[in-house]
Amino acid sequence: MNPSIRTARLSDIPAIMALRLNVRENRLQDPGRITQACYLSYLTGRRRTWVAEDETQLLGFVCSDRDDARIWALFIAPESEGKGIGKALLQQAVDWLHAGGCHKLQLSTEPGTRAEGFYRHLGWQSLGLTEEGEVGFLLTSPSD
């Protein structure tokens, strides 16, 4: 079966947190830094999370914020990488942000990672290093 993408629910948070701790790159050094409350705040209102899943497991997730016009998180389970799931999740979030009036989207990731190349390949423009030492990216909507 092809993975399905849907809006995340409260019951997804434990699986989202587990997936986030098991990625190959951009692994959390301090697992307590991103709490359940952080994810809870991305379930409604001007923040939204989507998950990709098959019949048995969570394959990836993306979190976005209309107030900041930002992708806050995008992570794929290691065994699901390279199957188009990240691209589909990212597009879901980008479309939602654009529909909400966000025209200049931003995100950041660790330099030298596959994620950096992934965003470049999808047309995100590098903004250089952030104060935190990550690579910042910008995506401008086609209407701008």
Protein backbone atom coordinates (compact mmCIF):
# COMPACT_ATOMS: atom_id res chain seq x y z
CA MET A 1 0.00 0.00 0.00
CA ASN A 2 1.13 3.55 -0.69
CA PRO A 3 1.62 5.70 2.38
CA SER A 4 -1.19 8.07 3.28
CA ILE A 5 -0.79 11.63 4.56
CA ARG A 6 -3.18 13.04 7.12
CA THR A 7 -3.36 15.73 9.76
CA ALA A 8 -1.71 14.59 12.97
CA ARG A 9 -3.72 13.77 16.07
CA LEU A 10 -2.86 13.90 19.76
CA SER A 11 -2.45 10.12 19.73
CA ASP A 12 0.36 10.47 17.14
CA ILE A 13 2.66 12.45 19.44
CA PRO A 14 4.43 9.47 21.07
CA ALA A 15 5.24 7.97 17.63
CA ILE A 16 6.35 11.39 16.33
CA MET A 17 8.67 11.82 19.31
CA ALA A 18 10.10 8.31 18.89
CA LEU A 19 10.70 8.85 15.17
CA ARG A 20 12.43 12.18 15.88
CA LEU A 21 14.88 10.43 18.20
CA ASN A 22 15.70 7.69 15.68
CA VAL A 23 16.61 9.67 12.56
CA ARG A 24 20.03 9.31 10.92
CA GLU A 25 20.83 13.03 10.68
CA ASN A 26 20.03 16.10 12.75
CA ARG A 27 19.53 13.89 15.79
CA LEU A 28 18.51 15.64 19.01
CA GLN A 29 21.48 15.92 21.33
CA ASP A 30 19.14 16.63 24.26
CA PRO A 31 15.92 14.59 23.92
CA GLY A 32 14.29 16.70 26.65
CA ARG A 33 14.65 19.85 24.56
CA ILE A 34 11.67 19.05 22.32
CA THR A 35 8.81 18.04 24.62
CA GLN A 36 5.34 16.64 24.09
CA ALA A 37 4.01 20.17 24.69
CA CYS A 38 6.08 21.42 21.73
CA TYR A 39 4.38 18.93 19.42
CA LEU A 40 0.98 19.55 21.00
CA SER A 41 1.24 23.21 20.01
CA TYR A 42 1.54 22.14 16.34
CA LEU A 43 -1.78 20.30 16.17
CA THR A 44 -4.28 23.16 15.75
CA GLY A 45 -4.76 26.79 14.91
CA ARG A 46 -2.01 28.52 12.96
CA ARG A 47 0.33 25.58 13.47
CA ARG A 48 -0.18 22.23 11.83
CA THR A 49 1.43 18.79 11.66
CA TRP A 50 0.90 16.07 9.08
CA VAL A 51 2.00 12.47 9.27
CA ALA A 52 2.70 9.89 6.59
CA GLU A 53 1.79 6.35 7.55
CA ASP A 54 1.19 2.90 6.20
CA GLU A 55 -1.01 0.24 7.79
CA THR A 56 1.40 -0.38 10.65
CA GLN A 57 3.61 2.60 11.37
CA LEU A 58 4.42 6.27 11.16
CA LEU A 59 6.79 6.90 8.25
CA GLY A 60 7.41 10.63 8.67
CA PHE A 61 6.01 13.96 9.79
CA VAL A 62 6.16 17.68 9.05
CA CYS A 63 5.26 20.63 11.31
CA SER A 64 4.57 24.14 10.04
CA ASP A 65 3.71 27.53 11.51
CA ARG A 66 1.70 30.23 9.71
CA ASP A 67 2.69 32.94 12.20
CA ASP A 68 6.36 32.52 11.30
CA ALA A 69 5.80 31.20 7.74
CA ARG A 70 8.14 28.40 8.76
CA ILE A 71 8.62 24.68 8.45
CA TRP A 72 9.54 23.76 12.02
CA ALA A 73 10.29 20.08 11.48
CA LEU A 74 10.43 17.48 8.72
CA PHE A 75 11.65 13.99 9.58
CA ILE A 76 11.40 10.62 7.87
CA ALA A 77 11.95 7.19 9.43
CA PRO A 78 15.30 5.80 8.22
CA GLU A 79 13.69 2.78 6.55
CA SER A 80 11.32 5.11 4.62
CA GLU A 81 13.94 7.48 3.19
CA GLY A 82 14.23 7.89 -0.57
CA LYS A 83 10.61 6.97 -1.31
CA GLY A 84 9.21 10.47 -1.89
CA ILE A 85 7.59 10.73 1.53
CA GLY A 86 9.61 13.77 2.60
CA LYS A 87 8.80 15.59 -0.63
CA ALA A 88 5.08 14.82 -0.28
CA LEU A 89 4.97 15.93 3.36
CA LEU A 90 6.89 19.11 2.60
CA GLN A 91 4.54 19.95 -0.28
CA GLN A 92 1.54 19.45 2.02
CA ALA A 93 2.97 21.97 4.49
CA VAL A 94 4.04 24.44 1.77
CA ASP A 95 0.57 24.36 0.21
CA TRP A 96 -1.06 24.94 3.61
CA LEU A 97 1.25 27.85 4.38
CA HIS A 98 0.64 29.43 0.97
CA ALA A 99 -3.14 28.99 1.38
CA GLY A 100 -2.86 30.88 4.68
CA GLY A 101 -1.21 33.87 3.04
CA CYS A 102 2.42 33.01 3.72
CA HIS A 103 4.50 33.86 0.65
CA LYS A 104 8.08 33.73 1.94
CA LEU A 105 8.65 30.47 3.73
CA GLN A 106 11.67 29.65 5.85
CA LEU A 107 13.32 26.65 7.44
CA SER A 108 16.75 25.65 8.64
CA THR A 109 18.80 22.48 8.89
CA GLU A 110 22.27 21.33 9.85
CA PRO A 111 24.92 22.14 7.25
CA GLY A 112 26.46 19.31 5.27
CA THR A 113 23.46 17.01 5.64
CA ARG A 114 21.37 15.24 3.02
CA ALA A 115 18.52 17.51 4.13
CA GLU A 116 20.50 20.54 2.97
CA GLY A 117 20.80 19.02 -0.51
CA PHE A 118 17.14 17.96 -0.46
CA TYR A 119 15.93 21.53 0.12
CA ARG A 120 18.30 22.97 -2.48
CA HIS A 121 17.09 20.38 -5.01
CA LEU A 122 13.48 21.44 -4.37
CA GLY A 123 14.23 25.10 -5.09
CA TRP A 124 14.75 26.50 -1.60
CA GLN A 125 17.34 29.31 -1.63
CA SER A 126 20.11 29.35 0.97
CA LEU A 127 20.21 32.33 3.32
CA GLY A 128 23.57 31.34 4.81
CA LEU A 129 24.18 30.28 8.37
CA THR A 130 21.78 31.19 11.16
CA GLU A 131 22.93 32.37 14.59
CA GLU A 132 22.51 28.76 15.73
CA GLY A 133 24.90 27.54 13.02
CA GLU A 134 22.26 25.97 10.80
CA VAL A 135 21.73 26.69 7.10
CA GLY A 136 18.68 28.91 6.64
CA PHE A 137 16.49 28.51 3.56
CA LEU A 138 13.83 30.62 1.86
CA LEU A 139 11.09 29.57 -0.56
CA THR A 140 9.16 32.34 -2.25
CA SER A 141 5.71 31.54 -3.63
CA PRO A 142 5.41 31.60 -7.44
CA SER A 143 3.12 34.65 -7.28
CA ASP A 144 5.89 36.83 -5.73
